[in-house]
PDB file of N, CA and C in Angstrom:
ATOM      1  N   MET A   1      93.561 102.213  75.843  1.00  0.00           N
ATOM      2  CA  MET A   1      92.355 101.982  75.876  1.00  0.00           C
ATOM      3  C   MET A   1      91.887 102.714  74.705  1.00  0.00           C
ATOM      4  N   LYS A   2      90.958 102.393  74.065  1.00  0.00           N
ATOM      5  CA  LYS A   2      90.557 102.862  72.988  1.00  0.00           C
ATOM      6  C   LYS A   2      89.129 103.763  73.365  1.00  0.00           C
ATOM      7  N   LEU A   3      88.760 104.951  72.800  1.00  0.00           N
ATOM      8  CA  LEU A   3      87.869 105.947  72.526  1.00  0.00           C
ATOM      9  C   LEU A   3      87.311 105.806  71.426  1.00  0.00           C
ATOM     10  N   ILE A   4      86.446 106.631  71.074  1.00  0.00           N
ATOM     11  CA  ILE A   4      85.851 107.268  70.440  1.00  0.00           C
ATOM     12  C   ILE A   4      85.590 108.479  70.302  1.00  0.00           C
ATOM     13  N   ILE A   5      85.908 109.592  70.102  1.00  0.00           N
ATOM     14  CA  ILE A   5      85.750 110.899  70.425  1.00  0.00           C
ATOM     15  C   ILE A   5      85.273 111.632  69.134  1.00  0.00           C
ATOM     16  N   ASN A   6      83.891 112.042  69.178  1.00  0.00           N
ATOM     17  CA  ASN A   6      83.404 113.044  67.969  1.00  0.00           C
ATOM     18  C   ASN A   6      83.702 112.036  66.484  1.00  0.00           C
ATOM     19  N   GLY A   7      83.398 110.789  66.685  1.00  0.00           N
ATOM     20  CA  GLY A   7      83.053 109.846  65.733  1.00  0.00           C
ATOM     21  C   GLY A   7      84.844 109.496  65.442  1.00  0.00           C
ATOM     22  N   GLU A   8      85.678 109.381  66.075  1.00  0.00           N
ATOM     23  CA  GLU A   8      86.990 109.425  65.435  1.00  0.00           C
ATOM     24  C   GLU A   8      87.636 108.416  66.466  1.00  0.00           C
ATOM     25  N   SER A   9      88.261 107.238  66.069  1.00  0.00           N
ATOM     26  CA  SER A   9      88.553 106.544  67.153  1.00  0.00           C
ATOM     27  C   SER A   9      90.198 106.985  68.000  1.00  0.00           C
ATOM     28  N   ARG A  10      90.513 107.082  68.775  1.00  0.00           N
ATOM     29  CA  ARG A  10      91.721 107.202  69.452  1.00  0.00           C
ATOM     30  C   ARG A  10      92.106 106.432  70.344  1.00  0.00           C
ATOM     31  N   GLU A  11      93.568 106.082  70.469  1.00  0.00           N
ATOM     32  CA  GLU A  11      94.266 105.248  71.547  1.00  0.00           C
ATOM     33  C   GLU A  11      94.859 106.095  72.525  1.00  0.00           C
ATOM     34  N   PHE A  12      94.512 105.545  73.848  1.00  0.00           N
ATOM     35  CA  PHE A  12      95.281 106.557  75.128  1.00  0.00           C
ATOM     36  C   PHE A  12      95.811 104.809  75.690  1.00  0.00           C
ATOM     37  N   GLU A  13      97.106 105.150  76.196  1.00  0.00           N
ATOM     38  CA  GLU A  13      97.848 104.526  77.012  1.00  0.00           C
ATOM     39  C   GLU A  13      97.043 103.604  78.267  1.00  0.00           C
ATOM     40  N   GLU A  14      96.331 104.362  79.035  1.00  0.00           N
ATOM     41  CA  GLU A  14      95.955 104.202  80.664  1.00  0.00           C
ATOM     42  C   GLU A  14      94.329 104.556  80.709  1.00  0.00           C
ATOM     43  N   ALA A  15      93.660 104.436  81.393  1.00  0.00           N
ATOM     44  CA  ALA A  15      92.367 104.809  81.810  1.00  0.00           C
ATOM     45  C   ALA A  15      92.352 105.838  81.990  1.00  0.00           C
ATOM     46  N   MET A  16      91.647 107.369  82.073  1.00  0.00           N
ATOM     47  CA  MET A  16      91.945 108.768  82.406  1.00  0.00           C
ATOM     48  C   MET A  16      90.422 109.376  82.579  1.00  0.00           C
ATOM     49  N   THR A  17      90.485 110.226  83.006  1.00  0.00           N
ATOM     50  CA  THR A  17      88.669 111.416  83.898  1.00  0.00           C
ATOM     51  C   THR A  17      89.171 111.637  82.420  1.00  0.00           C
ATOM     52  N   LEU A  18      87.856 112.684  82.235  1.00  0.00           N
ATOM     53  CA  LEU A  18      87.273 113.157  80.747  1.00  0.00           C
ATOM     54  C   LEU A  18      88.069 114.291  81.370  1.00  0.00           C
ATOM     55  N   GLN A  19      88.465 115.070  82.277  1.00  0.00           N
ATOM     56  CA  GLN A  19      89.617 116.088  82.327  1.00  0.00           C
ATOM     57  C   GLN A  19      90.772 115.905  81.805  1.00  0.00           C
ATOM     58  N   ASN A  20      91.381 114.710  81.947  1.00  0.00           N
ATOM     59  CA  ASN A  20      92.529 114.663  82.129  1.00  0.00           C
ATOM     60  C   ASN A  20      92.263 113.892  79.707  1.00  0.00           C
ATOM     61  N   ILE A  21      91.827 113.703  79.282  1.00  0.00           N
ATOM     62  CA  ILE A  21      91.767 113.535  77.797  1.00  0.00           C
ATOM     63  C   ILE A  21      91.421 114.990  77.501  1.00  0.00           C
ATOM     64  N   LEU A  22      90.260 115.836  78.151  1.00  0.00           N
ATOM     65  CA  LEU A  22      90.688 117.276  77.098  1.00  0.00           C
ATOM     66  C   LEU A  22      91.842 117.958  77.342  1.00  0.00           C
ATOM     67  N   ASN A  23      92.772 117.498  78.677  1.00  0.00           N
ATOM     68  CA  ASN A  23      94.164 118.055  78.662  1.00  0.00           C
ATOM     69  C   ASN A  23      94.771 117.899  77.466  1.00  0.00           C
ATOM     70  N   GLU A  24      94.780 116.549  77.522  1.00  0.00           N
ATOM     71  CA  GLU A  24      95.508 115.617  76.453  1.00  0.00           C
ATOM     72  C   GLU A  24      95.016 116.186  74.986  1.00  0.00           C
ATOM     73  N   LEU A  25      94.321 116.519  74.945  1.00  0.00           N
ATOM     74  CA  LEU A  25      93.626 116.902  73.459  1.00  0.00           C
ATOM     75  C   LEU A  25      93.878 118.382  73.274  1.00  0.00           C
ATOM     76  N   SER A  26      94.557 119.109  73.981  1.00  0.00           N
ATOM     77  CA  SER A  26      94.418 120.730  74.568  1.00  0.00           C
ATOM     78  C   SER A  26      93.150 121.209  73.876  1.00  0.00           C
ATOM     79  N   LEU A  27      92.012 120.800  74.560  1.00  0.00           N
ATOM     80  CA  LEU A  27      91.051 121.274  74.664  1.00  0.00           C
ATOM     81  C   LEU A  27      90.014 121.856  75.702  1.00  0.00           C
ATOM     82  N   ASP A  28      91.445 122.117  76.906  1.00  0.00           N
ATOM     83  CA  ASP A  28      90.707 122.793  78.233  1.00  0.00           C
ATOM     84  C   ASP A  28      90.139 123.874  77.862  1.00  0.00           C
ATOM     85  N   GLY A  29      88.973 124.045  78.619  1.00  0.00           N
ATOM     86  CA  GLY A  29      88.392 125.702  78.401  1.00  0.00           C
ATOM     87  C   GLY A  29      87.926 125.589  77.032  1.00  0.00           C
ATOM     88  N   LYS A  30      87.931 125.047  75.965  1.00  0.00           N
ATOM     89  CA  LYS A  30      87.091 125.010  74.824  1.00  0.00           C
ATOM     90  C   LYS A  30      85.717 124.202  74.362  1.00  0.00           C
ATOM     91  N   VAL A  31      85.647 123.351  75.345  1.00  0.00           N
ATOM     92  CA  VAL A  31      84.459 122.190  75.290  1.00  0.00           C
ATOM     93  C   VAL A  31      83.510 122.653  76.428  1.00  0.00           C
ATOM     94  N   MET A  32      82.406 123.023  75.667  1.00  0.00           N
ATOM     95  CA  MET A  32      81.391 123.483  76.722  1.00  0.00           C
ATOM     96  C   MET A  32      80.422 122.489  77.378  1.00  0.00           C
ATOM     97  N   ALA A  33      80.046 121.331  76.943  1.00  0.00           N
ATOM     98  CA  ALA A  33      79.516 119.833  77.124  1.00  0.00           C
ATOM     99  C   ALA A  33      80.072 118.934  76.847  1.00  0.00           C
ATOM    100  N   ALA A  34      80.013 117.703  77.448  1.00  0.00           N
ATOM    101  CA  ALA A  34      80.351 116.553  77.183  1.00  0.00           C
ATOM    102  C   ALA A  34      79.582 115.219  77.472  1.00  0.00           C
ATOM    103  N   ALA A  35      79.414 114.443  76.477  1.00  0.00           N
ATOM    104  CA  ALA A  35      78.370 113.170  76.642  1.00  0.00           C
ATOM    105  C   ALA A  35      79.177 112.081  76.167  1.00  0.00           C
ATOM    106  N   VAL A  36      79.275 111.631  77.083  1.00  0.00           N
ATOM    107  CA  VAL A  36      79.457 110.085  77.151  1.00  0.00           C
ATOM    108  C   VAL A  36      78.441 108.902  77.077  1.00  0.00           C
ATOM    109  N   ASN A  37      78.710 107.946  75.904  1.00  0.00           N
ATOM    110  CA  ASN A  37      77.794 107.170  75.482  1.00  0.00           C
ATOM    111  C   ASN A  37      76.506 107.587  75.582  1.00  0.00           C
ATOM    112  N   MET A  38      76.457 108.713  75.091  1.00  0.00           N
ATOM    113  CA  MET A  38      75.023 109.555  74.881  1.00  0.00           C
ATOM    114  C   MET A  38      74.534 110.233  76.477  1.00  0.00           C
ATOM    115  N   GLU A  39      74.941 109.843  77.299  1.00  0.00           N
ATOM    116  CA  GLU A  39      74.454 110.764  78.208  1.00  0.00           C
ATOM    117  C   GLU A  39      75.476 111.925  78.839  1.00  0.00           C
ATOM    118  N   ILE A  40      74.402 112.805  79.167  1.00  0.00           N
ATOM    119  CA  ILE A  40      75.586 113.827  79.233  1.00  0.00           C
ATOM    120  C   ILE A  40      76.287 113.846  80.566  1.00  0.00           C
ATOM    121  N   VAL A  41      77.538 114.563  80.846  1.00  0.00           N
ATOM    122  CA  VAL A  41      78.376 114.212  81.943  1.00  0.00           C
ATOM    123  C   VAL A  41      78.523 116.073  82.606  1.00  0.00           C
ATOM    124  N   LYS A  42      78.029 116.701  83.821  1.00  0.00           N
ATOM    125  CA  LYS A  42      78.291 117.618  83.837  1.00  0.00           C
ATOM    126  C   LYS A  42      79.404 117.914  84.181  1.00  0.00           C
ATOM    127  N   GLN A  43      79.672 119.286  83.978  1.00  0.00           N
ATOM    128  CA  GLN A  43      81.397 119.891  83.897  1.00  0.00           C
ATOM    129  C   GLN A  43      81.863 120.173  85.239  1.00  0.00           C
ATOM    130  N   ASN A  44      80.950 119.907  86.308  1.00  0.00           N
ATOM    131  CA  ASN A  44      81.754 119.863  87.544  1.00  0.00           C
ATOM    132  C   ASN A  44      82.300 118.614  87.953  1.00  0.00           C
ATOM    133  N   SER A  45      81.674 117.376  87.330  1.00  0.00           N
ATOM    134  CA  SER A  45      82.298 116.198  87.277  1.00  0.00           C
ATOM    135  C   SER A  45      83.342 115.673  86.430  1.00  0.00           C
ATOM    136  N   TRP A  46      84.034 116.114  85.936  1.00  0.00           N
ATOM    137  CA  TRP A  46      84.853 115.744  84.569  1.00  0.00           C
ATOM    138  C   TRP A  46      86.095 115.292  84.914  1.00  0.00           C
ATOM    139  N   SER A  47      86.415 115.995  85.953  1.00  0.00           N
ATOM    140  CA  SER A  47      87.931 115.617  86.649  1.00  0.00           C
ATOM    141  C   SER A  47      87.659 114.095  87.773  1.00  0.00           C
ATOM    142  N   THR A  48      86.546 113.822  88.042  1.00  0.00           N
ATOM    143  CA  THR A  48      86.432 112.599  88.680  1.00  0.00           C
ATOM    144  C   THR A  48      85.637 111.360  87.719  1.00  0.00           C
ATOM    145  N   TYR A  49      85.164 111.802  86.901  1.00  0.00           N
ATOM    146  CA  TYR A  49      84.850 111.059  85.361  1.00  0.00           C
ATOM    147  C   TYR A  49      85.754 110.192  85.000  1.00  0.00           C
ATOM    148  N   ILE A  50      85.769 109.079  85.178  1.00  0.00           N
ATOM    149  CA  ILE A  50      87.167 107.798  84.631  1.00  0.00           C
ATOM    150  C   ILE A  50      86.478 107.203  83.642  1.00  0.00           C
ATOM    151  N   LEU A  51      86.929 107.540  82.568  1.00  0.00           N
ATOM    152  CA  LEU A  51      86.681 106.867  81.091  1.00  0.00           C
ATOM    153  C   LEU A  51      86.924 105.421  80.912  1.00  0.00           C
ATOM    154  N   LYS A  52      86.080 104.708  80.154  1.00  0.00           N
ATOM    155  CA  LYS A  52      86.205 103.212  79.953  1.00  0.00           C
ATOM    156  C   LYS A  52      86.633 102.925  78.792  1.00  0.00           C
ATOM    157  N   ASP A  53      87.292 101.814  78.358  1.00  0.00           N
ATOM    158  CA  ASP A  53      87.452 101.538  77.080  1.00  0.00           C
ATOM    159  C   ASP A  53      86.383 100.974  76.441  1.00  0.00           C
ATOM    160  N   ASN A  54      86.937 101.617  75.066  1.00  0.00           N
ATOM    161  CA  ASN A  54      85.372 101.520  73.877  1.00  0.00           C
ATOM    162  C   ASN A  54      84.350 102.421  74.285  1.00  0.00           C
ATOM    163  N   ASP A  55      84.270 103.461  75.705  1.00  0.00           N
ATOM    164  CA  ASP A  55      83.121 104.905  75.587  1.00  0.00           C
ATOM    165  C   ASP A  55      83.187 105.579  74.305  1.00  0.00           C
ATOM    166  N   LYS A  56      82.237 106.126  74.308  1.00  0.00           N
ATOM    167  CA  LYS A  56      81.625 106.887  72.723  1.00  0.00           C
ATOM    168  C   LYS A  56      81.577 108.579  73.387  1.00  0.00           C
ATOM    169  N   LEU A  57      82.794 109.206  73.055  1.00  0.00           N
ATOM    170  CA  LEU A  57      82.602 110.559  73.501  1.00  0.00           C
ATOM    171  C   LEU A  57      82.464 111.615  72.681  1.00  0.00           C
ATOM    172  N   GLU A  58      81.130 112.642  72.776  1.00  0.00           N
ATOM    173  CA  GLU A  58      80.821 113.267  72.480  1.00  0.00           C
ATOM    174  C   GLU A  58      81.584 114.991  73.213  1.00  0.00           C
ATOM    175  N   LEU A  59      82.424 115.598  72.175  1.00  0.00           N
ATOM    176  CA  LEU A  59      82.723 116.893  72.813  1.00  0.00           C
ATOM    177  C   LEU A  59      82.105 118.065  72.055  1.00  0.00           C
ATOM    178  N   LEU A  60      81.479 119.013  72.913  1.00  0.00           N
ATOM    179  CA  LEU A  60      80.585 119.932  71.992  1.00  0.00           C
ATOM    180  C   LEU A  60      81.037 121.315  72.704  1.00  0.00           C
ATOM    181  N   ASP A  61      81.062 122.673  71.464  1.00  0.00           N
ATOM    182  CA  ASP A  61      81.693 123.590  72.036  1.00  0.00           C
ATOM    183  C   ASP A  61      80.278 124.765  71.172  1.00  0.00           C
ATOM    184  N   PHE A  62      79.668 125.610  71.779  1.00  0.00           N
ATOM    185  CA  PHE A  62      78.837 126.371  70.969  1.00  0.00           C
ATOM    186  C   PHE A  62      79.158 127.558  70.423  1.00  0.00           C
ATOM    187  N   VAL A  63      79.001 127.594  69.192  1.00  0.00           N
ATOM    188  CA  VAL A  63      79.243 128.861  68.659  1.00  0.00           C
ATOM    189  C   VAL A  63      78.276 129.701  68.233  1.00  0.00           C
ATOM    190  N   ALA A  64      78.191 131.064  68.234  1.00  0.00           N
ATOM    191  CA  ALA A  64      77.203 131.937  67.887  1.00  0.00           C
ATOM    192  C   ALA A  64      77.088 132.156  66.248  1.00  0.00           C
ATOM    193  N   GLY A  65      76.404 132.298  65.771  1.00  0.00           N
ATOM    194  CA  GLY A  65      75.775 132.426  64.503  1.00  0.00           C
ATOM    195  C   GLY A  65      74.433 133.184  64.165  1.00  0.00           C
ATOM    196  N   GLY A  66      74.004 133.510  62.901  1.00  0.00           N
ATOM    197  CA  GLY A  66      72.893 133.924  62.644  1.00  0.00           C
ATOM    198  C   GLY A  66      72.371 133.798  61.190  1.00  0.00           C
TER     199      GLY A  66
END
């Protein structure tokens, strides 16, 4: 399965949930918001949201600054 994650093409062997991808990329607990194909996916749905081949995934973390 091919995904575009934050503009970078990545290959995975099988369909996965959004939470599985975060775990695979060691991003669990670091990502605050996620969008798939420009649609926000609520955090309580990450463990059941199944990604499809060629989905475009944006993972966001909020950084404080001034």
